[in-house]
Amino acid sequence: MRAESRPNPLAAGPSTRSLAPPPVLYGFLLLLALMFAVSYAVGSAAGPVSPGMSGSSDTGVEAPGNGGGDGGGGQDMDMDGMG
């Protein structure tokens, strides 16, 4: 009688298939990239939501609350003469 020699799968180490990520991960990453591309395209087509809120001060216009303007600082705000 001849003894058959079979390779022991546990002694051979991890197979290449077990080291590869599952195909579902590739599908998820593809879907994520697709959603990012679509949202970027829609945002670019819509343009800026509020052009005055760019944060740069090259326009020369001072935003309210930055120390300028007629905010009424120092005035008596209670209504003495209203009664």
PDB file of N, CA and C in Angstrom:
ATOM      1  N   MET A   1       0.820  -1.170   0.000  1.00  0.00           N
ATOM      2  CA  MET A   1       0.000   0.000   0.000  1.00  0.00           C
ATOM      3  C   MET A   1       0.876   1.249   0.000  1.00  0.00           C
ATOM      4  N   ARG A   2       0.430   2.194  -0.814  1.00  0.00           N
ATOM      5  CA  ARG A   2       1.194   3.431  -0.897  1.00  0.00           C
ATOM      6  C   ARG A   2       0.502   4.524  -0.101  1.00  0.00           C
ATOM      7  N   ALA A   3       1.260   5.260   0.634  1.00  0.00           N
ATOM      8  CA  ALA A   3       0.688   6.373   1.393  1.00  0.00           C
ATOM      9  C   ALA A   3       0.692   7.616   0.502  1.00  0.00           C
ATOM     10  N   GLU A   4      -0.456   8.225   0.399  1.00  0.00           N
ATOM     11  CA  GLU A   4      -0.540   9.444  -0.406  1.00  0.00           C
ATOM     12  C   GLU A   4      -0.080  10.631   0.436  1.00  0.00           C
ATOM     13  N   SER A   5       0.682  11.472  -0.196  1.00  0.00           N
ATOM     14  CA  SER A   5       1.118  12.666   0.533  1.00  0.00           C
ATOM     15  C   SER A   5       0.278  13.851   0.058  1.00  0.00           C
ATOM     16  N   ARG A   6      -0.433  14.385   0.952  1.00  0.00           N
ATOM     17  CA  ARG A   6      -1.253  15.563   0.663  1.00  0.00           C
ATOM     18  C   ARG A   6      -0.626  16.763   1.359  1.00  0.00           C
ATOM     19  N   PRO A   7      -0.619  17.904   0.695  1.00  0.00           N
ATOM     20  CA  PRO A   7      -0.085  19.092   1.372  1.00  0.00           C
ATOM     21  C   PRO A   7      -1.014  19.518   2.501  1.00  0.00           C
ATOM     22  N   ASN A   8      -0.438  19.851   3.600  1.00  0.00           N
ATOM     23  CA  ASN A   8      -1.193  20.307   4.758  1.00  0.00           C
ATOM     24  C   ASN A   8      -1.469  21.805   4.579  1.00  0.00           C
ATOM     25  N   PRO A   9      -2.732  22.218   4.432  1.00  0.00           N
ATOM     26  CA  PRO A   9      -3.009  23.642   4.198  1.00  0.00           C
ATOM     27  C   PRO A   9      -2.625  24.528   5.378  1.00  0.00           C
ATOM     28  N   LEU A  10      -2.618  23.994   6.579  1.00  0.00           N
ATOM     29  CA  LEU A  10      -2.261  24.812   7.733  1.00  0.00           C
ATOM     30  C   LEU A  10      -0.756  25.004   7.840  1.00  0.00           C
ATOM     31  N   ALA A  11       0.007  24.046   7.372  1.00  0.00           N
ATOM     32  CA  ALA A  11       1.463  24.141   7.472  1.00  0.00           C
ATOM     33  C   ALA A  11       2.038  25.013   6.369  1.00  0.00           C
ATOM     34  N   ALA A  12       1.304  25.206   5.281  1.00  0.00           N
ATOM     35  CA  ALA A  12       1.825  25.964   4.151  1.00  0.00           C
ATOM     36  C   ALA A  12       1.777  27.469   4.398  1.00  0.00           C
ATOM     37  N   GLY A  13       1.066  27.933   5.386  1.00  0.00           N
ATOM     38  CA  GLY A  13       0.945  29.368   5.643  1.00  0.00           C
ATOM     39  C   GLY A  13      -0.310  29.921   4.991  1.00  0.00           C
ATOM     40  N   PRO A  14      -0.560  31.192   5.167  1.00  0.00           N
ATOM     41  CA  PRO A  14      -1.783  31.776   4.614  1.00  0.00           C
ATOM     42  C   PRO A  14      -1.726  31.821   3.088  1.00  0.00           C
ATOM     43  N   SER A  15      -2.829  31.528   2.471  1.00  0.00           N
ATOM     44  CA  SER A  15      -2.871  31.549   1.008  1.00  0.00           C
ATOM     45  C   SER A  15      -2.996  32.983   0.508  1.00  0.00           C
ATOM     46  N   THR A  16      -2.769  33.140  -0.779  1.00  0.00           N
ATOM     47  CA  THR A  16      -2.853  34.472  -1.377  1.00  0.00           C
ATOM     48  C   THR A  16      -4.293  34.977  -1.352  1.00  0.00           C
ATOM     49  N   ARG A  17      -5.233  34.074  -1.461  1.00  0.00           N
ATOM     50  CA  ARG A  17      -6.650  34.461  -1.462  1.00  0.00           C
ATOM     51  C   ARG A  17      -7.068  35.043  -0.117  1.00  0.00           C
ATOM     52  N   SER A  18      -6.537  34.503   0.965  1.00  0.00           N
ATOM     53  CA  SER A  18      -6.946  34.999   2.276  1.00  0.00           C
ATOM     54  C   SER A  18      -6.318  36.351   2.595  1.00  0.00           C
ATOM     55  N   LEU A  19      -5.242  36.712   1.927  1.00  0.00           N
ATOM     56  CA  LEU A  19      -4.608  38.006   2.174  1.00  0.00           C
ATOM     57  C   LEU A  19      -5.249  39.136   1.363  1.00  0.00           C
ATOM     58  N   ALA A  20      -5.948  38.792   0.295  1.00  0.00           N
ATOM     59  CA  ALA A  20      -6.575  39.813  -0.544  1.00  0.00           C
ATOM     60  C   ALA A  20      -7.833  40.348   0.142  1.00  0.00           C
ATOM     61  N   PRO A  21      -8.104  41.643  -0.006  1.00  0.00           N
ATOM     62  CA  PRO A  21      -9.326  42.195   0.579  1.00  0.00           C
ATOM     63  C   PRO A  21     -10.558  41.636  -0.143  1.00  0.00           C
ATOM     64  N   PRO A  22     -11.683  41.599   0.526  1.00  0.00           N
ATOM     65  CA  PRO A  22     -12.896  41.065  -0.101  1.00  0.00           C
ATOM     66  C   PRO A  22     -13.355  41.962  -1.250  1.00  0.00           C
ATOM     67  N   PRO A  23     -13.992  41.394  -2.259  1.00  0.00           N
ATOM     68  CA  PRO A  23     -14.459  42.189  -3.406  1.00  0.00           C
ATOM     69  C   PRO A  23     -15.468  43.268  -3.017  1.00  0.00           C
ATOM     70  N   VAL A  24     -16.177  43.071  -1.916  1.00  0.00           N
ATOM     71  CA  VAL A  24     -17.144  44.068  -1.465  1.00  0.00           C
ATOM     72  C   VAL A  24     -16.431  45.377  -1.115  1.00  0.00           C
ATOM     73  N   LEU A  25     -15.213  45.283  -0.620  1.00  0.00           N
ATOM     74  CA  LEU A  25     -14.448  46.483  -0.278  1.00  0.00           C
ATOM     75  C   LEU A  25     -14.150  47.304  -1.525  1.00  0.00           C
ATOM     76  N   TYR A  26     -13.812  46.625  -2.627  1.00  0.00           N
ATOM     77  CA  TYR A  26     -13.562  47.336  -3.876  1.00  0.00           C
ATOM     78  C   TYR A  26     -14.834  48.036  -4.366  1.00  0.00           C
ATOM     79  N   GLY A  27     -15.959  47.378  -4.239  1.00  0.00           N
ATOM     80  CA  GLY A  27     -17.227  47.991  -4.632  1.00  0.00           C
ATOM     81  C   GLY A  27     -17.556  49.205  -3.788  1.00  0.00           C
ATOM     82  N   PHE A  28     -17.294  49.103  -2.472  1.00  0.00           N
ATOM     83  CA  PHE A  28     -17.553  50.239  -1.587  1.00  0.00           C
ATOM     84  C   PHE A  28     -16.647  51.414  -1.930  1.00  0.00           C
ATOM     85  N   LEU A  29     -15.375  51.154  -2.179  1.00  0.00           N
ATOM     86  CA  LEU A  29     -14.451  52.243  -2.512  1.00  0.00           C
ATOM     87  C   LEU A  29     -14.809  52.886  -3.847  1.00  0.00           C
ATOM     88  N   LEU A  30     -15.263  52.068  -4.796  1.00  0.00           N
ATOM     89  CA  LEU A  30     -15.698  52.617  -6.074  1.00  0.00           C
ATOM     90  C   LEU A  30     -16.931  53.491  -5.900  1.00  0.00           C
ATOM     91  N   LEU A  31     -17.883  53.038  -5.098  1.00  0.00           N
ATOM     92  CA  LEU A  31     -19.083  53.830  -4.829  1.00  0.00           C
ATOM     93  C   LEU A  31     -18.734  55.129  -4.103  1.00  0.00           C
ATOM     94  N   LEU A  32     -17.805  55.068  -3.170  1.00  0.00           N
ATOM     95  CA  LEU A  32     -17.381  56.261  -2.446  1.00  0.00           C
ATOM     96  C   LEU A  32     -16.739  57.281  -3.378  1.00  0.00           C
ATOM     97  N   ALA A  33     -15.871  56.814  -4.269  1.00  0.00           N
ATOM     98  CA  ALA A  33     -15.230  57.714  -5.230  1.00  0.00           C
ATOM     99  C   ALA A  33     -16.255  58.307  -6.192  1.00  0.00           C
ATOM    100  N   LEU A  34     -17.222  57.498  -6.605  1.00  0.00           N
ATOM    101  CA  LEU A  34     -18.261  57.991  -7.501  1.00  0.00           C
ATOM    102  C   LEU A  34     -19.111  59.066  -6.833  1.00  0.00           C
ATOM    103  N   MET A  35     -19.484  58.844  -5.578  1.00  0.00           N
ATOM    104  CA  MET A  35     -20.285  59.837  -4.849  1.00  0.00           C
ATOM    105  C   MET A  35     -19.503  61.139  -4.643  1.00  0.00           C
ATOM    106  N   PHE A  36     -18.217  61.028  -4.371  1.00  0.00           N
ATOM    107  CA  PHE A  36     -17.392  62.230  -4.213  1.00  0.00           C
ATOM    108  C   PHE A  36     -17.328  63.000  -5.524  1.00  0.00           C
ATOM    109  N   ALA A  37     -17.132  62.296  -6.628  1.00  0.00           N
ATOM    110  CA  ALA A  37     -17.037  62.959  -7.923  1.00  0.00           C
ATOM    111  C   ALA A  37     -18.347  63.658  -8.289  1.00  0.00           C
ATOM    112  N   VAL A  38     -19.470  63.006  -8.035  1.00  0.00           N
ATOM    113  CA  VAL A  38     -20.768  63.616  -8.347  1.00  0.00           C
ATOM    114  C   VAL A  38     -21.021  64.836  -7.466  1.00  0.00           C
ATOM    115  N   SER A  39     -20.723  64.738  -6.183  1.00  0.00           N
ATOM    116  CA  SER A  39     -20.963  65.882  -5.293  1.00  0.00           C
ATOM    117  C   SER A  39     -20.032  67.046  -5.624  1.00  0.00           C
ATOM    118  N   TYR A  40     -18.808  66.749  -6.037  1.00  0.00           N
ATOM    119  CA  TYR A  40     -17.883  67.811  -6.425  1.00  0.00           C
ATOM    120  C   TYR A  40     -18.379  68.508  -7.691  1.00  0.00           C
ATOM    121  N   ALA A  41     -18.875  67.724  -8.655  1.00  0.00           N
ATOM    122  CA  ALA A  41     -19.384  68.306  -9.892  1.00  0.00           C
ATOM    123  C   ALA A  41     -20.610  69.171  -9.635  1.00  0.00           C
ATOM    124  N   VAL A  42     -21.508  68.709  -8.776  1.00  0.00           N
ATOM    125  CA  VAL A  42     -22.705  69.500  -8.454  1.00  0.00           C
ATOM    126  C   VAL A  42     -22.310  70.777  -7.725  1.00  0.00           C
ATOM    127  N   GLY A  43     -21.363  70.696  -6.810  1.00  0.00           N
ATOM    128  CA  GLY A  43     -20.910  71.888  -6.094  1.00  0.00           C
ATOM    129  C   GLY A  43     -20.225  72.886  -7.002  1.00  0.00           C
ATOM    130  N   SER A  44     -19.453  72.400  -7.963  1.00  0.00           N
ATOM    131  CA  SER A  44     -18.799  73.299  -8.908  1.00  0.00           C
ATOM    132  C   SER A  44     -19.815  73.963  -9.831  1.00  0.00           C
ATOM    133  N   ALA A  45     -20.829  73.225 -10.214  1.00  0.00           N
ATOM    134  CA  ALA A  45     -21.852  73.796 -11.090  1.00  0.00           C
ATOM    135  C   ALA A  45     -22.707  74.819 -10.351  1.00  0.00           C
ATOM    136  N   ALA A  46     -22.937  74.622  -9.061  1.00  0.00           N
ATOM    137  CA  ALA A  46     -23.767  75.541  -8.285  1.00  0.00           C
ATOM    138  C   ALA A  46     -23.039  76.850  -8.015  1.00  0.00           C
ATOM    139  N   GLY A  47     -21.740  76.818  -7.930  1.00  0.00           N
ATOM    140  CA  GLY A  47     -20.972  78.021  -7.664  1.00  0.00           C
ATOM    141  C   GLY A  47     -20.930  78.327  -6.178  1.00  0.00           C
ATOM    142  N   PRO A  48     -20.340  79.449  -5.836  1.00  0.00           N
ATOM    143  CA  PRO A  48     -20.245  79.803  -4.416  1.00  0.00           C
ATOM    144  C   PRO A  48     -21.614  80.144  -3.840  1.00  0.00           C
ATOM    145  N   VAL A  49     -21.841  79.731  -2.625  1.00  0.00           N
ATOM    146  CA  VAL A  49     -23.125  79.978  -1.975  1.00  0.00           C
ATOM    147  C   VAL A  49     -23.237  81.434  -1.581  1.00  0.00           C
ATOM    148  N   SER A  50     -22.182  81.969  -1.015  1.00  0.00           N
ATOM    149  CA  SER A  50     -22.183  83.353  -0.574  1.00  0.00           C
ATOM    150  C   SER A  50     -20.853  83.984  -0.968  1.00  0.00           C
ATOM    151  N   PRO A  51     -20.792  84.673  -2.098  1.00  0.00           N
ATOM    152  CA  PRO A  51     -19.519  85.208  -2.575  1.00  0.00           C
ATOM    153  C   PRO A  51     -18.864  86.183  -1.607  1.00  0.00           C
ATOM    154  N   GLY A  52     -19.617  86.859  -0.769  1.00  0.00           N
ATOM    155  CA  GLY A  52     -19.038  87.821   0.156  1.00  0.00           C
ATOM    156  C   GLY A  52     -18.353  87.183   1.351  1.00  0.00           C
ATOM    157  N   MET A  53     -18.488  85.883   1.520  1.00  0.00           N
ATOM    158  CA  MET A  53     -17.916  85.216   2.680  1.00  0.00           C
ATOM    159  C   MET A  53     -16.624  84.483   2.350  1.00  0.00           C
ATOM    160  N   SER A  54     -15.868  84.991   1.411  1.00  0.00           N
ATOM    161  CA  SER A  54     -14.652  84.305   0.992  1.00  0.00           C
ATOM    162  C   SER A  54     -13.559  84.395   2.046  1.00  0.00           C
ATOM    163  N   GLY A  55     -13.601  85.356   2.918  1.00  0.00           N
ATOM    164  CA  GLY A  55     -12.604  85.482   3.970  1.00  0.00           C
ATOM    165  C   GLY A  55     -11.434  86.365   3.587  1.00  0.00           C
ATOM    166  N   SER A  56     -11.286  86.694   2.332  1.00  0.00           N
ATOM    167  CA  SER A  56     -10.190  87.566   1.932  1.00  0.00           C
ATOM    168  C   SER A  56     -10.637  89.017   2.086  1.00  0.00           C
ATOM    169  N   SER A  57      -9.708  89.866   2.418  1.00  0.00           N
ATOM    170  CA  SER A  57     -10.051  91.267   2.665  1.00  0.00           C
ATOM    171  C   SER A  57      -9.558  92.160   1.532  1.00  0.00           C
ATOM    172  N   ASP A  58      -9.487  91.649   0.313  1.00  0.00           N
ATOM    173  CA  ASP A  58      -9.003  92.449  -0.796  1.00  0.00           C
ATOM    174  C   ASP A  58     -10.089  93.328  -1.416  1.00  0.00           C
ATOM    175  N   THR A  59     -11.338  93.212  -0.974  1.00  0.00           N
ATOM    176  CA  THR A  59     -12.416  94.007  -1.547  1.00  0.00           C
ATOM    177  C   THR A  59     -12.491  95.397  -0.934  1.00  0.00           C
ATOM    178  N   GLY A  60     -11.919  95.581   0.240  1.00  0.00           N
ATOM    179  CA  GLY A  60     -11.961  96.877   0.893  1.00  0.00           C
ATOM    180  C   GLY A  60     -13.207  97.086   1.715  1.00  0.00           C
ATOM    181  N   VAL A  61     -14.137  96.179   1.678  1.00  0.00           N
ATOM    182  CA  VAL A  61     -15.370  96.282   2.445  1.00  0.00           C
ATOM    183  C   VAL A  61     -15.148  95.590   3.772  1.00  0.00           C
ATOM    184  N   GLU A  62     -15.469  96.316   4.850  1.00  0.00           N
ATOM    185  CA  GLU A  62     -15.269  95.743   6.178  1.00  0.00           C
ATOM    186  C   GLU A  62     -16.549  95.075   6.638  1.00  0.00           C
ATOM    187  N   ALA A  63     -16.408  93.858   7.115  1.00  0.00           N
ATOM    188  CA  ALA A  63     -17.566  93.098   7.568  1.00  0.00           C
ATOM    189  C   ALA A  63     -18.070  93.654   8.889  1.00  0.00           C
ATOM    190  N   PRO A  64     -19.378  93.611   9.146  1.00  0.00           N
ATOM    191  CA  PRO A  64     -19.911  94.086  10.415  1.00  0.00           C
ATOM    192  C   PRO A  64     -19.381  93.251  11.576  1.00  0.00           C
ATOM    193  N   GLY A  65     -19.148  93.911  12.669  1.00  0.00           N
ATOM    194  CA  GLY A  65     -18.662  93.220  13.851  1.00  0.00           C
ATOM    195  C   GLY A  65     -17.151  93.168  13.942  1.00  0.00           C
ATOM    196  N   ASN A  66     -16.467  93.761  12.991  1.00  0.00           N
ATOM    197  CA  ASN A  66     -15.005  93.760  13.026  1.00  0.00           C
ATOM    198  C   ASN A  66     -14.451  95.095  13.493  1.00  0.00           C
ATOM    199  N   GLY A  67     -15.173  95.797  14.303  1.00  0.00           N
ATOM    200  CA  GLY A  67     -14.669  97.045  14.862  1.00  0.00           C
ATOM    201  C   GLY A  67     -15.060  98.279  14.075  1.00  0.00           C
ATOM    202  N   GLY A  68     -15.646  98.129  12.948  1.00  0.00           N
ATOM    203  CA  GLY A  68     -15.994  99.302  12.157  1.00  0.00           C
ATOM    204  C   GLY A  68     -17.499  99.471  12.061  1.00  0.00           C
ATOM    205  N   GLY A  69     -17.896 100.532  11.461  1.00  0.00           N
ATOM    206  CA  GLY A  69     -19.319 100.730  11.207  1.00  0.00           C
ATOM    207  C   GLY A  69     -20.018 101.481  12.324  1.00  0.00           C
ATOM    208  N   ASP A  70     -21.313 101.542  12.212  1.00  0.00           N
ATOM    209  CA  ASP A  70     -22.127 102.309  13.138  1.00  0.00           C
ATOM    210  C   ASP A  70     -22.935 101.361  14.026  1.00  0.00           C
ATOM    211  N   GLY A  71     -22.266 100.599  14.816  1.00  0.00           N
ATOM    212  CA  GLY A  71     -22.923  99.620  15.673  1.00  0.00           C
ATOM    213  C   GLY A  71     -23.545 100.225  16.903  1.00  0.00           C
ATOM    214  N   GLY A  72     -23.379 101.493  17.147  1.00  0.00           N
ATOM    215  CA  GLY A  72     -23.987 102.142  18.290  1.00  0.00           C
ATOM    216  C   GLY A  72     -23.284 101.836  19.593  1.00  0.00           C
ATOM    217  N   GLY A  73     -22.023 101.598  19.543  1.00  0.00           N
ATOM    218  CA  GLY A  73     -21.277 101.286  20.749  1.00  0.00           C
ATOM    219  C   GLY A  73     -21.205 102.490  21.688  1.00  0.00           C
ATOM    220  N   GLY A  74     -21.480 102.267  22.948  1.00  0.00           N
ATOM    221  CA  GLY A  74     -21.382 103.339  23.925  1.00  0.00           C
ATOM    222  C   GLY A  74     -22.647 104.139  24.102  1.00  0.00           C
ATOM    223  N   GLN A  75     -23.648 103.900  23.311  1.00  0.00           N
ATOM    224  CA  GLN A  75     -24.896 104.659  23.459  1.00  0.00           C
ATOM    225  C   GLN A  75     -25.755 104.006  24.525  1.00  0.00           C
ATOM    226  N   ASP A  76     -26.593 104.842  25.127  1.00  0.00           N
ATOM    227  CA  ASP A  76     -27.520 104.353  26.154  1.00  0.00           C
ATOM    228  C   ASP A  76     -28.684 103.678  25.446  1.00  0.00           C
ATOM    229  N   MET A  77     -28.801 102.378  25.620  1.00  0.00           N
ATOM    230  CA  MET A  77     -29.791 101.619  24.866  1.00  0.00           C
ATOM    231  C   MET A  77     -31.099 101.378  25.620  1.00  0.00           C
ATOM    232  N   ASP A  78     -31.197 101.780  26.902  1.00  0.00           N
ATOM    233  CA  ASP A  78     -32.479 101.566  27.561  1.00  0.00           C
ATOM    234  C   ASP A  78     -33.489 102.628  27.124  1.00  0.00           C
ATOM    235  N   MET A  79     -34.745 102.327  27.202  1.00  0.00           N
ATOM    236  CA  MET A  79     -35.793 103.167  26.640  1.00  0.00           C
ATOM    237  C   MET A  79     -36.447 104.003  27.755  1.00  0.00           C
ATOM    238  N   ASP A  80     -35.754 105.070  28.152  1.00  0.00           N
ATOM    239  CA  ASP A  80     -36.273 105.910  29.232  1.00  0.00           C
ATOM    240  C   ASP A  80     -37.486 106.711  28.786  1.00  0.00           C
ATOM    241  N   GLY A  81     -37.490 107.223  27.586  1.00  0.00           N
ATOM    242  CA  GLY A  81     -38.560 108.102  27.156  1.00  0.00           C
ATOM    243  C   GLY A  81     -39.749 107.387  26.562  1.00  0.00           C
ATOM    244  N   MET A  82     -39.824 106.075  26.650  1.00  0.00           N
ATOM    245  CA  MET A  82     -40.899 105.336  26.006  1.00  0.00           C
ATOM    246  C   MET A  82     -42.127 105.153  26.904  1.00  0.00           C
ATOM    247  N   GLY A  83     -42.133 105.589  28.105  1.00  0.00           N
ATOM    248  CA  GLY A  83     -43.228 105.290  29.017  1.00  0.00           C
ATOM    249  C   GLY A  83     -44.159 106.363  29.208  1.00  0.00           C
TER     250      GLY A  83
END
